[in-house]
N, C-alpha and C. Protein backbone atom coordinates (compact mmCIF):
# COMPACT_ATOMS: atom_id res chain seq x y z
N MET A 1 23.80 -8.83 -0.89
CA MET A 1 23.27 -8.51 0.63
C MET A 1 24.65 -7.47 1.24
N LYS A 2 25.92 -7.19 0.36
CA LYS A 2 26.39 -6.30 0.42
C LYS A 2 25.53 -5.52 0.59
N ALA A 3 25.48 -4.85 -0.94
CA ALA A 3 24.77 -3.27 -1.20
C ALA A 3 24.19 -3.22 -0.28
N ILE A 4 22.62 -4.00 0.39
CA ILE A 4 22.05 -3.60 1.58
C ILE A 4 22.39 -3.05 3.10
N GLY A 5 23.70 -3.93 3.54
CA GLY A 5 24.81 -2.32 4.23
C GLY A 5 24.59 -1.86 4.31
N TRP A 6 25.18 -1.69 2.73
CA TRP A 6 25.83 -0.43 1.94
C TRP A 6 24.53 0.97 2.20
N ALA A 7 24.06 1.15 2.12
CA ALA A 7 21.97 1.02 2.01
C ALA A 7 22.46 1.57 3.85
N ARG A 8 21.89 1.18 4.27
CA ARG A 8 22.01 0.79 5.13
C ARG A 8 22.69 1.92 5.96
N LYS A 9 24.17 1.57 5.82
CA LYS A 9 24.75 2.01 6.24
C LYS A 9 24.95 3.49 6.64
N TYR A 10 25.04 3.96 5.02
CA TYR A 10 24.79 5.51 3.51
C TYR A 10 23.88 5.93 4.03
N GLY A 11 22.06 5.43 5.06
CA GLY A 11 20.81 6.31 5.20
C GLY A 11 20.23 6.03 3.90
N LEU A 12 20.44 5.03 3.19
CA LEU A 12 19.96 5.12 1.52
C LEU A 12 18.77 4.03 1.55
N ARG A 13 17.63 3.96 0.84
CA ARG A 13 16.99 3.12 0.76
C ARG A 13 17.01 2.06 -0.02
N ILE A 14 16.76 0.81 -1.17
CA ILE A 14 16.44 0.44 -2.12
C ILE A 14 14.78 -0.25 -2.37
N ASN A 15 14.74 0.00 -3.62
CA ASN A 15 14.03 -0.48 -4.93
C ASN A 15 14.21 -1.27 -5.44
N LEU A 16 13.62 -2.52 -4.75
CA LEU A 16 13.86 -4.03 -5.50
C LEU A 16 12.68 -4.04 -6.88
N ASP A 17 13.57 -3.82 -7.90
CA ASP A 17 12.93 -4.25 -9.18
C ASP A 17 13.27 -5.23 -10.56
N LEU A 18 12.08 -7.07 -9.96
CA LEU A 18 12.47 -7.81 -10.68
C LEU A 18 12.44 -7.61 -12.49
N HIS A 19 13.37 -7.11 -13.03
CA HIS A 19 14.32 -6.63 -13.83
C HIS A 19 12.75 -7.98 -15.20
N ALA A 20 13.58 -8.61 -14.84
CA ALA A 20 13.33 -10.34 -15.50
C ALA A 20 12.48 -11.30 -15.18
N LEU A 21 11.70 -12.19 -15.71
CA LEU A 21 11.32 -13.15 -15.44
C LEU A 21 10.74 -14.65 -15.83
N PRO A 22 10.97 -15.63 -15.34
CA PRO A 22 11.41 -16.43 -16.73
C PRO A 22 10.08 -16.33 -17.07
N GLY A 23 10.95 -16.81 -19.31
CA GLY A 23 9.87 -16.97 -19.49
C GLY A 23 10.54 -15.43 -20.46
N SER A 24 10.23 -14.49 -20.22
CA SER A 24 9.76 -12.68 -20.20
C SER A 24 9.25 -12.48 -20.63
N GLN A 25 8.87 -10.78 -19.16
CA GLN A 25 7.10 -9.99 -19.92
C GLN A 25 7.29 -9.43 -20.59
N ASN A 26 8.21 -9.46 -20.82
CA ASN A 26 8.21 -8.02 -22.55
C ASN A 26 8.70 -8.71 -23.40
N GLY A 27 9.69 -9.20 -23.76
CA GLY A 27 10.02 -9.50 -25.54
C GLY A 27 11.90 -8.47 -25.50
N PHE A 28 12.19 -7.99 -23.76
CA PHE A 28 13.01 -6.69 -24.71
C PHE A 28 14.40 -6.83 -23.89
N ASN A 29 15.09 -6.57 -24.92
CA ASN A 29 16.46 -7.28 -24.42
C ASN A 29 16.56 -7.73 -22.70
N HIS A 30 16.21 -6.22 -22.45
CA HIS A 30 16.70 -6.64 -20.15
C HIS A 30 15.54 -7.28 -19.59
N ALA A 31 14.94 -7.67 -19.92
CA ALA A 31 14.03 -8.90 -19.54
C ALA A 31 14.50 -9.86 -19.90
N GLY A 32 15.59 -10.83 -20.32
CA GLY A 32 16.51 -11.42 -20.78
C GLY A 32 15.88 -12.73 -21.64
N VAL A 33 15.45 -12.76 -22.35
CA VAL A 33 15.34 -13.20 -24.17
C VAL A 33 14.53 -11.33 -25.05
N LEU A 34 14.91 -11.32 -25.77
CA LEU A 34 14.48 -10.69 -26.97
C LEU A 34 13.85 -10.96 -27.82
N ASN A 35 12.71 -10.64 -28.13
CA ASN A 35 11.82 -10.90 -29.28
C ASN A 35 11.14 -11.99 -28.58
N ALA A 36 11.00 -11.89 -27.43
CA ALA A 36 10.32 -13.95 -26.91
C ALA A 36 9.24 -13.48 -26.09
N MET A 37 7.68 -13.50 -26.05
CA MET A 37 7.80 -13.48 -24.13
C MET A 37 6.71 -14.71 -24.18
N ASN A 38 7.48 -15.51 -23.47
CA ASN A 38 7.01 -17.08 -23.01
C ASN A 38 6.09 -17.09 -21.39
N TRP A 39 6.59 -16.14 -20.93
CA TRP A 39 5.56 -15.69 -19.46
C TRP A 39 3.89 -15.13 -19.49
N MET A 40 3.15 -16.61 -19.00
CA MET A 40 2.07 -16.26 -18.85
C MET A 40 0.90 -16.12 -20.43
N TYR A 41 2.53 -17.08 -21.04
CA TYR A 41 1.84 -16.52 -22.53
C TYR A 41 2.80 -17.58 -23.45
N GLY A 42 2.13 -17.91 -24.64
CA GLY A 42 2.90 -19.27 -25.07
C GLY A 42 3.14 -21.05 -24.30
N THR A 43 3.39 -21.80 -25.82
CA THR A 43 3.64 -23.13 -24.67
C THR A 43 3.96 -23.24 -23.61
N MET A 44 5.22 -22.14 -23.80
CA MET A 44 5.13 -23.11 -21.17
C MET A 44 4.92 -21.56 -20.90
N GLY A 45 3.61 -20.75 -21.42
CA GLY A 45 3.85 -19.31 -19.76
C GLY A 45 3.11 -19.75 -18.52
N ILE A 46 2.00 -21.09 -18.67
CA ILE A 46 1.93 -21.24 -17.30
C ILE A 46 3.10 -21.52 -16.33
N ALA A 47 3.70 -22.68 -16.70
CA ALA A 47 5.44 -23.59 -16.51
C ALA A 47 5.68 -22.00 -16.03
N ASN A 48 6.43 -20.73 -16.95
CA ASN A 48 6.51 -19.82 -16.72
C ASN A 48 6.01 -18.86 -15.56
N ALA A 49 4.69 -18.89 -14.76
CA ALA A 49 4.56 -17.70 -14.61
C ALA A 49 4.51 -18.21 -12.77
N GLN A 50 4.72 -19.83 -12.63
CA GLN A 50 4.35 -20.59 -11.84
C GLN A 50 5.84 -19.75 -11.56
N ARG A 51 6.71 -21.07 -11.62
CA ARG A 51 8.35 -20.10 -11.96
C ARG A 51 8.35 -18.67 -10.81
N GLY A 52 7.67 -18.06 -12.29
CA GLY A 52 7.99 -16.39 -11.50
C GLY A 52 7.41 -16.26 -10.26
N LEU A 53 5.99 -16.67 -9.89
CA LEU A 53 5.81 -16.62 -8.38
C LEU A 53 6.79 -16.61 -7.86
N GLU A 54 7.40 -18.58 -7.73
CA GLU A 54 8.08 -18.84 -6.93
C GLU A 54 10.19 -17.73 -6.71
N VAL A 55 9.39 -17.47 -7.75
CA VAL A 55 11.21 -16.46 -7.87
C VAL A 55 9.81 -15.01 -6.76
N ILE A 56 9.14 -14.80 -6.94
CA ILE A 56 8.91 -13.61 -5.78
C ILE A 56 8.67 -14.18 -4.75
N ARG A 57 7.89 -15.42 -4.68
CA ARG A 57 7.79 -15.47 -3.25
C ARG A 57 9.24 -15.52 -2.29
N THR A 58 10.37 -15.58 -3.02
CA THR A 58 11.87 -16.41 -1.98
C THR A 58 12.04 -15.19 -2.48
N ILE A 59 12.15 -14.47 -2.87
CA ILE A 59 12.67 -12.75 -3.15
C ILE A 59 12.00 -11.78 -1.72
N ALA A 60 10.43 -12.11 -2.09
CA ALA A 60 9.84 -11.43 -0.53
C ALA A 60 10.09 -11.96 0.71
N GLU A 61 10.32 -13.24 1.28
CA GLU A 61 11.12 -13.74 1.90
C GLU A 61 12.05 -13.26 3.19
N PHE A 62 12.97 -13.10 1.89
CA PHE A 62 13.80 -12.78 1.69
C PHE A 62 14.40 -11.13 2.84
N ILE A 63 13.40 -10.74 1.63
CA ILE A 63 13.73 -8.94 2.15
C ILE A 63 12.79 -8.31 2.88
N SER A 64 11.77 -10.15 3.62
CA SER A 64 11.02 -9.43 5.02
C SER A 64 11.98 -10.20 6.85
N GLN A 65 13.10 -9.91 6.15
CA GLN A 65 13.90 -10.49 7.50
C GLN A 65 13.90 -9.18 7.83
N PRO A 66 13.77 -8.81 9.57
CA PRO A 66 14.03 -7.38 9.98
C PRO A 66 15.24 -6.92 9.48
N GLN A 67 16.48 -7.46 9.03
CA GLN A 67 16.90 -6.57 9.46
C GLN A 67 17.53 -6.05 8.14
N TYR A 68 16.45 -6.03 6.93
CA TYR A 68 16.52 -5.33 5.79
C TYR A 68 15.01 -4.58 6.25
N THR A 69 14.56 -4.70 7.21
CA THR A 69 13.05 -3.50 7.45
C THR A 69 14.06 -2.08 7.67
N GLY A 70 13.52 -1.05 6.61
CA GLY A 70 13.38 0.09 6.61
C GLY A 70 15.12 0.51 4.86
N VAL A 71 15.03 -0.10 4.53
CA VAL A 71 16.32 -0.38 4.02
C VAL A 71 15.82 -0.33 2.36
N VAL A 72 14.78 -1.88 2.39
CA VAL A 72 14.48 -2.45 1.26
C VAL A 72 12.78 -2.16 1.50
N THR A 73 12.47 -0.38 0.75
CA THR A 73 11.26 0.08 0.97
C THR A 73 10.23 -0.68 -0.03
N MET A 74 10.69 -0.48 -1.21
CA MET A 74 9.87 -1.59 -1.70
C MET A 74 9.61 -2.88 -3.41
N PHE A 75 9.34 -2.96 -4.18
CA PHE A 75 9.61 -4.79 -5.08
C PHE A 75 8.78 -4.75 -5.60
N GLY A 76 9.30 -3.97 -6.65
CA GLY A 76 8.22 -4.04 -8.10
C GLY A 76 8.72 -5.44 -8.21
N LEU A 77 6.63 -6.16 -8.32
CA LEU A 77 7.17 -7.92 -8.83
C LEU A 77 7.50 -7.51 -10.24
N VAL A 78 6.55 -6.60 -11.28
CA VAL A 78 6.92 -7.42 -13.05
C VAL A 78 7.09 -5.88 -13.60
N ASN A 79 8.94 -6.11 -14.34
CA ASN A 79 8.37 -4.67 -14.73
C ASN A 79 8.06 -4.60 -16.06
N GLU A 80 7.29 -3.77 -16.59
CA GLU A 80 6.91 -3.77 -18.14
C GLU A 80 5.76 -4.43 -18.55
N PRO A 81 4.93 -5.39 -17.69
CA PRO A 81 4.55 -6.15 -18.49
C PRO A 81 3.93 -6.01 -19.78
N GLN A 82 4.59 -6.81 -20.37
CA GLN A 82 3.41 -6.20 -22.58
C GLN A 82 1.00 -7.12 -21.78
N LEU A 83 0.50 -5.69 -21.93
CA LEU A 83 0.00 -5.49 -21.62
C LEU A 83 -1.58 -5.87 -22.52
N TYR A 84 -0.84 -4.88 -23.65
CA TYR A 84 -1.25 -5.61 -25.16
C TYR A 84 -1.27 -6.93 -25.27
N LEU A 85 0.30 -8.44 -25.56
CA LEU A 85 -0.87 -9.12 -25.52
C LEU A 85 -1.04 -10.22 -24.59
N LEU A 86 -0.02 -9.87 -23.17
CA LEU A 86 -1.48 -10.52 -22.21
C LEU A 86 -2.62 -10.74 -21.71
N GLY A 87 -3.20 -9.33 -21.86
CA GLY A 87 -4.72 -8.49 -21.57
C GLY A 87 -4.05 -8.27 -20.14
N GLN A 88 -5.04 -7.13 -19.86
CA GLN A 88 -4.66 -6.07 -18.03
C GLN A 88 -5.58 -7.80 -17.14
N ASP A 89 -6.53 -7.52 -17.86
CA ASP A 89 -6.75 -8.76 -16.61
C ASP A 89 -6.08 -10.16 -16.55
N VAL A 90 -5.82 -10.49 -17.24
CA VAL A 90 -4.75 -11.47 -17.06
C VAL A 90 -3.47 -10.85 -15.59
N VAL A 91 -2.69 -10.52 -16.08
CA VAL A 91 -2.16 -9.39 -15.08
C VAL A 91 -2.69 -8.42 -14.32
N GLY A 92 -3.61 -8.26 -14.33
CA GLY A 92 -4.09 -7.60 -12.93
C GLY A 92 -4.69 -8.65 -11.63
N HIS A 93 -5.01 -10.10 -11.74
CA HIS A 93 -4.96 -10.71 -11.21
C HIS A 93 -3.32 -11.37 -10.66
N LEU A 94 -2.69 -10.63 -10.81
CA LEU A 94 -1.43 -10.91 -10.04
C LEU A 94 -1.45 -10.62 -8.72
């Protein structure tokens, strides 16, 4: 929250990027789990997708508060999902 206050103070805008989802959306190290992807895929895929939606909902509600208007101007929901494994039709329904 301090970073948001600093951005407002200095006239900066924030692009908030959700870089990792429960289970990892791509199996890259920056998504929390290297070489494993269990978001919407695998045995825990659906549970992790539901957990991910809850995370997205919580962040969206937080940044929708009036004090963040005009500062947090973008919110990236899913960073680099592996479409070739998930299927574009699955990710497209998010």
